[in-house]
Amino acid sequence: MKILIVDDDKEIVQLLEIYVKNEGYEAMAAYDGKEAMTKLNTNPDIALIILDIMMPEIDGIEVVKQVRKDSQIPILILSAKTTDMDKIQGLITGADDYVTKPFNPLEVMARVKSLLRRSQHDVTNDQPDVLDIGPLTINKDSHEVKTIKGDLIQLTALEFGILYLLASHPNRVFSADDIFERVWQQESIVSAKTVMVHVSHLRDKIEEATGGEKVIETVWGVGYKIESH
């Protein structure tokens, strides 16, 4: 698998290249957003992007927006911007995960491997391959979600994972920590905000595709669920 590392700090790129290669992946480098887009357009087999935000030419947020126009490739933001609003902006724009600088390379690689597992359709449960929930049909094998009219809803691997988890356990309430550990397949003490942003983005996509259908319910102070119908 090819991993594209995008950062204008060459020392960071070189460090991450070492860890990426040690895990058996192929590393590619870009040092600004414009170069990143060029490499993405000429290397369709890139499996994941590690992306800085503050870069010349095109910043990381704009790269995420451009990529998300036609691709659901996993994106891990790696940024010196540390406020909650910065993280939320990155996730709402379409990034899958967010790690702040200074960072532990081992944590970054754990996040990378988790995102790659999700993108490789690793839904680890014994639930049915196809679920019909309200206005949606969810196909586990193809990772496709369609409305009753047959319209395809474009979801990232993590958004699909959240939806499939809730839909395959109707009426069960999952806390943010439960969702994070099951879908991201890692433990985190900062999972609640990350899950909240992804659920919000998922809801927006479902409501836009179905004309306002409310599929995912919030149980305040507890978590999220999908009611059986």
C-alpha atoms as a PDB file:
ATOM      1  CA  MET A   1       0.000   0.000   0.000  1.00  0.00           C
ATOM      2  CA  LYS A   2       1.169   3.524  -0.806  1.00  0.00           C
ATOM      3  CA  ILE A   3       0.888   6.216   1.852  1.00  0.00           C
ATOM      4  CA  LEU A   4       1.246   9.865   0.853  1.00  0.00           C
ATOM      5  CA  ILE A   5       2.924  12.034   3.513  1.00  0.00           C
ATOM      6  CA  VAL A   6       2.270  15.760   3.017  1.00  0.00           C
ATOM      7  CA  ASP A   7       4.101  18.324   5.154  1.00  0.00           C
ATOM      8  CA  ASP A   8       6.294  21.345   4.412  1.00  0.00           C
ATOM      9  CA  ASP A   9       8.638  20.265   7.228  1.00  0.00           C
ATOM     10  CA  LYS A  10      11.066  17.869   5.518  1.00  0.00           C
ATOM     11  CA  GLU A  11      12.302  16.450   8.828  1.00  0.00           C
ATOM     12  CA  ILE A  12       8.759  15.371   9.731  1.00  0.00           C
ATOM     13  CA  VAL A  13       8.301  13.796   6.302  1.00  0.00           C
ATOM     14  CA  GLN A  14      11.595  11.913   6.618  1.00  0.00           C
ATOM     15  CA  LEU A  15      10.703  10.673  10.113  1.00  0.00           C
ATOM     16  CA  LEU A  16       7.303   9.414   9.024  1.00  0.00           C
ATOM     17  CA  GLU A  17       8.781   7.806   5.921  1.00  0.00           C
ATOM     18  CA  ILE A  18      10.968   5.660   8.177  1.00  0.00           C
ATOM     19  CA  TYR A  19       8.019   4.474  10.250  1.00  0.00           C
ATOM     20  CA  VAL A  20       5.780   3.928   7.224  1.00  0.00           C
ATOM     21  CA  LYS A  21       8.426   1.789   5.518  1.00  0.00           C
ATOM     22  CA  ASN A  22       9.127  -0.136   8.733  1.00  0.00           C
ATOM     23  CA  GLU A  23       5.466  -1.181   8.734  1.00  0.00           C
ATOM     24  CA  GLY A  24       5.802  -2.545   5.206  1.00  0.00           C
ATOM     25  CA  TYR A  25       4.072   0.283   3.350  1.00  0.00           C
ATOM     26  CA  GLU A  26       5.424   2.348   0.457  1.00  0.00           C
ATOM     27  CA  ALA A  27       5.961   6.016   1.320  1.00  0.00           C
ATOM     28  CA  MET A  28       5.465   8.954  -1.027  1.00  0.00           C
ATOM     29  CA  ALA A  29       6.232  12.554  -0.096  1.00  0.00           C
ATOM     30  CA  ALA A  30       4.816  15.964  -0.983  1.00  0.00           C
ATOM     31  CA  TYR A  31       5.816  19.269   0.571  1.00  0.00           C
ATOM     32  CA  ASP A  32       2.796  21.452  -0.177  1.00  0.00           C
ATOM     33  CA  GLY A  33      -0.857  21.052  -1.079  1.00  0.00           C
ATOM     34  CA  LYS A  34      -0.372  21.621  -4.796  1.00  0.00           C
ATOM     35  CA  GLU A  35       2.250  18.884  -5.043  1.00  0.00           C
ATOM     36  CA  ALA A  36       0.001  16.609  -2.990  1.00  0.00           C
ATOM     37  CA  MET A  37      -2.895  17.013  -5.440  1.00  0.00           C
ATOM     38  CA  THR A  38      -0.581  16.319  -8.382  1.00  0.00           C
ATOM     39  CA  LYS A  39       0.653  13.094  -6.810  1.00  0.00           C
ATOM     40  CA  LEU A  40      -2.873  12.007  -5.900  1.00  0.00           C
ATOM     41  CA  ASN A  41      -4.059  12.596  -9.456  1.00  0.00           C
ATOM     42  CA  THR A  42      -1.169  10.631 -10.953  1.00  0.00           C
ATOM     43  CA  ASN A  43      -1.111   7.793  -8.386  1.00  0.00           C
ATOM     44  CA  PRO A  44      -4.641   6.388  -8.036  1.00  0.00           C
ATOM     45  CA  ASP A  45      -3.324   3.500  -5.930  1.00  0.00           C
ATOM     46  CA  ILE A  46      -2.452   5.727  -2.943  1.00  0.00           C
ATOM     47  CA  ALA A  47      -4.244   4.103   0.015  1.00  0.00           C
ATOM     48  CA  LEU A  48      -4.031   6.848   2.681  1.00  0.00           C
ATOM     49  CA  ILE A  49      -2.905  10.450   3.176  1.00  0.00           C
ATOM     50  CA  ILE A  50      -1.078  11.871   6.209  1.00  0.00           C
ATOM     51  CA  LEU A  51      -1.668  15.599   5.845  1.00  0.00           C
ATOM     52  CA  ASP A  52      -0.444  18.792   7.487  1.00  0.00           C
ATOM     53  CA  ILE A  53      -2.804  21.797   7.542  1.00  0.00           C
ATOM     54  CA  MET A  54      -0.541  24.843   7.401  1.00  0.00           C
ATOM     55  CA  MET A  55       1.315  24.585   4.078  1.00  0.00           C
ATOM     56  CA  PRO A  56       2.184  26.852   1.143  1.00  0.00           C
ATOM     57  CA  GLU A  57       0.383  26.825  -2.220  1.00  0.00           C
ATOM     58  CA  ILE A  58      -2.729  24.965  -1.025  1.00  0.00           C
ATOM     59  CA  ASP A  59      -3.391  24.377   2.678  1.00  0.00           C
ATOM     60  CA  GLY A  60      -4.431  21.032   4.117  1.00  0.00           C
ATOM     61  CA  ILE A  61      -8.097  21.906   4.615  1.00  0.00           C
ATOM     62  CA  GLU A  62      -8.431  22.814   0.936  1.00  0.00           C
ATOM     63  CA  VAL A  63      -6.694  19.555  -0.020  1.00  0.00           C
ATOM     64  CA  VAL A  64      -9.272  17.624   2.023  1.00  0.00           C
ATOM     65  CA  LYS A  65     -12.122  19.479   0.292  1.00  0.00           C
ATOM     66  CA  GLN A  66     -10.715  18.754  -3.164  1.00  0.00           C
ATOM     67  CA  VAL A  67     -10.056  15.093  -2.395  1.00  0.00           C
ATOM     68  CA  ARG A  68     -13.544  14.576  -0.972  1.00  0.00           C
ATOM     69  CA  LYS A  69     -15.181  15.758  -4.196  1.00  0.00           C
ATOM     70  CA  ASP A  70     -14.577  12.345  -5.748  1.00  0.00           C
ATOM     71  CA  SER A  71     -12.672  10.122  -3.310  1.00  0.00           C
ATOM     72  CA  GLN A  72     -13.205   8.519   0.105  1.00  0.00           C
ATOM     73  CA  ILE A  73      -9.506   7.731   0.653  1.00  0.00           C
ATOM     74  CA  PRO A  74      -8.654   7.819   4.393  1.00  0.00           C
ATOM     75  CA  ILE A  75      -7.100  11.117   5.496  1.00  0.00           C
ATOM     76  CA  LEU A  76      -5.197  11.585   8.751  1.00  0.00           C
ATOM     77  CA  ILE A  77      -4.522  15.216   9.617  1.00  0.00           C
ATOM     78  CA  LEU A  78      -1.275  15.894  11.452  1.00  0.00           C
ATOM     79  CA  SER A  79      -1.221  19.500  12.610  1.00  0.00           C
ATOM     80  CA  ALA A  80       0.206  21.998  15.074  1.00  0.00           C
ATOM     81  CA  LYS A  81      -3.295  23.475  15.370  1.00  0.00           C
ATOM     82  CA  THR A  82      -4.528  22.063  18.663  1.00  0.00           C
ATOM     83  CA  THR A  83      -7.838  23.727  19.569  1.00  0.00           C
ATOM     84  CA  ASP A  84     -11.105  21.804  19.518  1.00  0.00           C
ATOM     85  CA  MET A  85     -12.424  24.062  16.747  1.00  0.00           C
ATOM     86  CA  ASP A  86      -9.400  23.281  14.572  1.00  0.00           C
ATOM     87  CA  LYS A  87      -9.982  19.551  15.032  1.00  0.00           C
ATOM     88  CA  ILE A  88     -13.703  19.850  14.379  1.00  0.00           C
ATOM     89  CA  GLN A  89     -13.086  21.896  11.222  1.00  0.00           C
ATOM     90  CA  GLY A  90     -10.730  19.231   9.918  1.00  0.00           C
ATOM     91  CA  LEU A  91     -13.167  16.413  10.647  1.00  0.00           C
ATOM     92  CA  ILE A  92     -16.211  18.244   9.279  1.00  0.00           C
ATOM     93  CA  THR A  93     -14.308  19.006   6.075  1.00  0.00           C
ATOM     94  CA  GLY A  94     -13.864  15.280   5.562  1.00  0.00           C
ATOM     95  CA  ALA A  95     -10.742  14.092   7.382  1.00  0.00           C
ATOM     96  CA  ASP A  96     -11.041  10.754   9.174  1.00  0.00           C
ATOM     97  CA  ASP A  97      -8.746  11.415  12.119  1.00  0.00           C
ATOM     98  CA  TYR A  98      -6.663  14.228  13.638  1.00  0.00           C
ATOM     99  CA  VAL A  99      -3.349  14.037  15.526  1.00  0.00           C
ATOM    100  CA  THR A 100      -1.690  17.129  16.989  1.00  0.00           C
ATOM    101  CA  LYS A 101       1.987  18.042  16.891  1.00  0.00           C
ATOM    102  CA  PRO A 102       4.282  17.250  18.591  1.00  0.00           C
ATOM    103  CA  PHE A 103       3.299  13.634  17.999  1.00  0.00           C
ATOM    104  CA  ASN A 104       4.418  10.123  18.841  1.00  0.00           C
ATOM    105  CA  PRO A 105       5.207   8.318  15.537  1.00  0.00           C
ATOM    106  CA  LEU A 106       3.981   5.055  17.046  1.00  0.00           C
ATOM    107  CA  GLU A 107       0.580   6.633  17.731  1.00  0.00           C
ATOM    108  CA  VAL A 108       0.447   7.965  14.189  1.00  0.00           C
ATOM    109  CA  MET A 109       1.135   4.497  12.781  1.00  0.00           C
ATOM    110  CA  ALA A 110      -1.502   2.958  15.050  1.00  0.00           C
ATOM    111  CA  ARG A 111      -4.023   5.441  13.646  1.00  0.00           C
ATOM    112  CA  VAL A 112      -2.832   4.725  10.095  1.00  0.00           C
ATOM    113  CA  LYS A 113      -3.277   0.973  10.495  1.00  0.00           C
ATOM    114  CA  SER A 114      -6.712   1.473  12.033  1.00  0.00           C
ATOM    115  CA  LEU A 115      -7.868   3.667   9.133  1.00  0.00           C
ATOM    116  CA  LEU A 116      -6.498   1.216   6.582  1.00  0.00           C
ATOM    117  CA  ARG A 117      -8.381  -1.643   8.247  1.00  0.00           C
ATOM    118  CA  ARG A 118     -11.599   0.340   7.954  1.00  0.00           C
ATOM    119  CA  SER A 119     -10.975   1.210   4.312  1.00  0.00           C
ATOM    120  CA  GLN A 120     -10.334  -2.452   3.530  1.00  0.00           C
ATOM    121  CA  HIS A 121     -13.922  -3.251   4.551  1.00  0.00           C
ATOM    122  CA  ASP A 122     -12.956  -4.920   7.810  1.00  0.00           C
ATOM    123  CA  VAL A 123     -16.362  -4.969   9.500  1.00  0.00           C
ATOM    124  CA  THR A 124     -15.709  -7.424  12.303  1.00  0.00           C
ATOM    125  CA  ASN A 125     -19.034  -8.872  13.337  1.00  0.00           C
ATOM    126  CA  ASP A 126     -21.379 -11.646  12.342  1.00  0.00           C
ATOM    127  CA  GLN A 127     -24.330  -9.494  11.332  1.00  0.00           C
ATOM    128  CA  PRO A 128     -26.150  -9.897   7.985  1.00  0.00           C
ATOM    129  CA  ASP A 129     -24.463  -8.723   4.801  1.00  0.00           C
ATOM    130  CA  VAL A 130     -27.429  -6.516   3.834  1.00  0.00           C
ATOM    131  CA  LEU A 131     -29.474  -4.457   6.277  1.00  0.00           C
ATOM    132  CA  ASP A 132     -32.703  -2.563   5.573  1.00  0.00           C
ATOM    133  CA  ILE A 133     -33.118   0.213   8.118  1.00  0.00           C
ATOM    134  CA  GLY A 134     -35.859   2.798   7.527  1.00  0.00           C
ATOM    135  CA  PRO A 135     -35.131   4.514   4.207  1.00  0.00           C
ATOM    136  CA  LEU A 136     -31.706   2.867   3.809  1.00  0.00           C
ATOM    137  CA  THR A 137     -30.241  -0.358   2.455  1.00  0.00           C
ATOM    138  CA  ILE A 138     -26.763  -1.047   3.835  1.00  0.00           C
ATOM    139  CA  ASN A 139     -24.538  -3.564   2.049  1.00  0.00           C
ATOM    140  CA  LYS A 140     -21.686  -4.835   4.215  1.00  0.00           C
ATOM    141  CA  ASP A 141     -19.676  -6.471   1.420  1.00  0.00           C
ATOM    142  CA  SER A 142     -19.750  -3.598  -1.067  1.00  0.00           C
ATOM    143  CA  HIS A 143     -19.723  -0.867   1.614  1.00  0.00           C
ATOM    144  CA  GLU A 144     -22.626   0.789  -0.196  1.00  0.00           C
ATOM    145  CA  VAL A 145     -25.555   2.625   1.340  1.00  0.00           C
ATOM    146  CA  LYS A 146     -28.567   3.344  -0.858  1.00  0.00           C
ATOM    147  CA  THR A 147     -31.904   5.038  -0.346  1.00  0.00           C
ATOM    148  CA  ILE A 148     -35.183   3.282  -1.127  1.00  0.00           C
ATOM    149  CA  LYS A 149     -35.065   5.097  -4.479  1.00  0.00           C
ATOM    150  CA  GLY A 150     -31.718   3.465  -5.232  1.00  0.00           C
ATOM    151  CA  ASP A 151     -29.597   6.601  -4.811  1.00  0.00           C
ATOM    152  CA  LEU A 152     -26.085   5.904  -3.540  1.00  0.00           C
ATOM    153  CA  ILE A 153     -24.908   7.829  -0.455  1.00  0.00           C
ATOM    154  CA  GLN A 154     -21.154   8.478  -0.521  1.00  0.00           C
ATOM    155  CA  LEU A 155     -19.709   7.683   2.911  1.00  0.00           C
ATOM    156  CA  THR A 156     -16.164   7.460   4.198  1.00  0.00           C
ATOM    157  CA  ALA A 157     -15.038   4.126   5.651  1.00  0.00           C
ATOM    158  CA  LEU A 158     -15.491   5.451   9.187  1.00  0.00           C
ATOM    159  CA  GLU A 159     -18.952   6.869   8.478  1.00  0.00           C
ATOM    160  CA  PHE A 160     -19.975   3.514   7.023  1.00  0.00           C
ATOM    161  CA  GLY A 161     -18.544   1.757  10.071  1.00  0.00           C
ATOM    162  CA  ILE A 162     -20.590   3.908  12.443  1.00  0.00           C
ATOM    163  CA  LEU A 163     -23.785   3.439  10.453  1.00  0.00           C
ATOM    164  CA  TYR A 164     -23.317  -0.312  10.117  1.00  0.00           C
ATOM    165  CA  LEU A 165     -22.559  -0.714  13.815  1.00  0.00           C
ATOM    166  CA  LEU A 166     -25.728   1.123  14.875  1.00  0.00           C
ATOM    167  CA  ALA A 167     -27.916  -0.460  12.192  1.00  0.00           C
ATOM    168  CA  SER A 168     -26.762  -3.991  13.000  1.00  0.00           C
ATOM    169  CA  HIS A 169     -27.769  -3.513  16.657  1.00  0.00           C
ATOM    170  CA  PRO A 170     -31.162  -1.748  16.426  1.00  0.00           C
ATOM    171  CA  ASN A 171     -32.478  -0.139  19.626  1.00  0.00           C
ATOM    172  CA  ARG A 172     -29.114  -0.544  21.360  1.00  0.00           C
ATOM    173  CA  VAL A 173     -27.466   2.659  22.583  1.00  0.00           C
ATOM    174  CA  PHE A 174     -23.730   2.970  21.927  1.00  0.00           C
ATOM    175  CA  SER A 175     -21.691   5.545  23.806  1.00  0.00           C
ATOM    176  CA  ALA A 176     -19.115   7.629  21.950  1.00  0.00           C
ATOM    177  CA  ASP A 177     -16.371   5.544  23.565  1.00  0.00           C
ATOM    178  CA  ASP A 178     -18.054   2.307  22.426  1.00  0.00           C
ATOM    179  CA  ILE A 179     -18.289   3.593  18.861  1.00  0.00           C
ATOM    180  CA  PHE A 180     -14.715   4.832  18.822  1.00  0.00           C
ATOM    181  CA  GLU A 181     -13.264   1.571  20.123  1.00  0.00           C
ATOM    182  CA  ARG A 182     -15.347  -0.598  17.763  1.00  0.00           C
ATOM    183  CA  VAL A 183     -15.080   1.478  14.588  1.00  0.00           C
ATOM    184  CA  TRP A 184     -11.644   3.068  14.959  1.00  0.00           C
ATOM    185  CA  GLN A 185     -10.450  -0.124  16.700  1.00  0.00           C
ATOM    186  CA  GLN A 186      -8.350   1.727  19.212  1.00  0.00           C
ATOM    187  CA  GLU A 187      -8.754   3.256  22.638  1.00  0.00           C
ATOM    188  CA  SER A 188      -8.771   7.016  23.107  1.00  0.00           C
ATOM    189  CA  ILE A 189      -9.502   9.454  25.916  1.00  0.00           C
ATOM    190  CA  VAL A 190     -10.572  12.128  23.401  1.00  0.00           C
ATOM    191  CA  SER A 191     -12.988  10.029  21.356  1.00  0.00           C
ATOM    192  CA  ALA A 192     -16.261  11.814  22.210  1.00  0.00           C
ATOM    193  CA  LYS A 193     -15.713  14.944  20.095  1.00  0.00           C
ATOM    194  CA  THR A 194     -14.310  12.919  17.195  1.00  0.00           C
ATOM    195  CA  VAL A 195     -17.329  10.605  17.175  1.00  0.00           C
ATOM    196  CA  MET A 196     -19.744  13.525  17.555  1.00  0.00           C
ATOM    197  CA  VAL A 197     -18.359  15.235  14.453  1.00  0.00           C
ATOM    198  CA  HIS A 198     -18.468  12.061  12.355  1.00  0.00           C
ATOM    199  CA  VAL A 199     -22.030  11.245  13.463  1.00  0.00           C
ATOM    200  CA  SER A 200     -23.096  14.803  12.621  1.00  0.00           C
ATOM    201  CA  HIS A 201     -21.546  14.563   9.161  1.00  0.00           C
ATOM    202  CA  LEU A 202     -23.152  11.141   8.626  1.00  0.00           C
ATOM    203  CA  ARG A 203     -26.567  12.480   9.626  1.00  0.00           C
ATOM    204  CA  ASP A 204     -26.246  15.395   7.211  1.00  0.00           C
ATOM    205  CA  LYS A 205     -25.500  13.043   4.315  1.00  0.00           C
ATOM    206  CA  ILE A 206     -28.412  10.736   5.165  1.00  0.00           C
ATOM    207  CA  GLU A 207     -30.876  13.593   5.606  1.00  0.00           C
ATOM    208  CA  GLU A 208     -29.776  15.236   2.368  1.00  0.00           C
ATOM    209  CA  ALA A 209     -30.213  11.978   0.435  1.00  0.00           C
ATOM    210  CA  THR A 210     -33.545  11.001   2.003  1.00  0.00           C
ATOM    211  CA  GLY A 211     -35.300  14.349   2.169  1.00  0.00           C
ATOM    212  CA  GLY A 212     -34.820  14.869   5.892  1.00  0.00           C
ATOM    213  CA  GLU A 213     -35.247  11.376   7.353  1.00  0.00           C
ATOM    214  CA  LYS A 214     -33.955  11.119  10.937  1.00  0.00           C
ATOM    215  CA  VAL A 215     -32.237   7.728  11.106  1.00  0.00           C
ATOM    216  CA  ILE A 216     -29.681   8.115  13.918  1.00  0.00           C
ATOM    217  CA  GLU A 217     -31.075   9.195  17.284  1.00  0.00           C
ATOM    218  CA  THR A 218     -29.166  10.861  20.104  1.00  0.00           C
ATOM    219  CA  VAL A 219     -29.849   9.575  23.617  1.00  0.00           C
ATOM    220  CA  TRP A 220     -28.678  12.608  25.557  1.00  0.00           C
ATOM    221  CA  GLY A 221     -25.948  11.896  28.047  1.00  0.00           C
ATOM    222  CA  VAL A 222     -25.652   8.283  26.866  1.00  0.00           C
ATOM    223  CA  GLY A 223     -24.906   7.936  23.152  1.00  0.00           C
ATOM    224  CA  TYR A 224     -26.490   7.073  19.801  1.00  0.00           C
ATOM    225  CA  LYS A 225     -28.876   4.466  18.423  1.00  0.00           C
ATOM    226  CA  ILE A 226     -30.999   3.494  15.440  1.00  0.00           C
ATOM    227  CA  GLU A 227     -34.563   2.410  16.183  1.00  0.00           C
ATOM    228  CA  SER A 228     -35.883  -0.744  14.525  1.00  0.00           C
ATOM    229  CA  HIS A 229     -38.939  -0.196  12.341  1.00  0.00           C
END
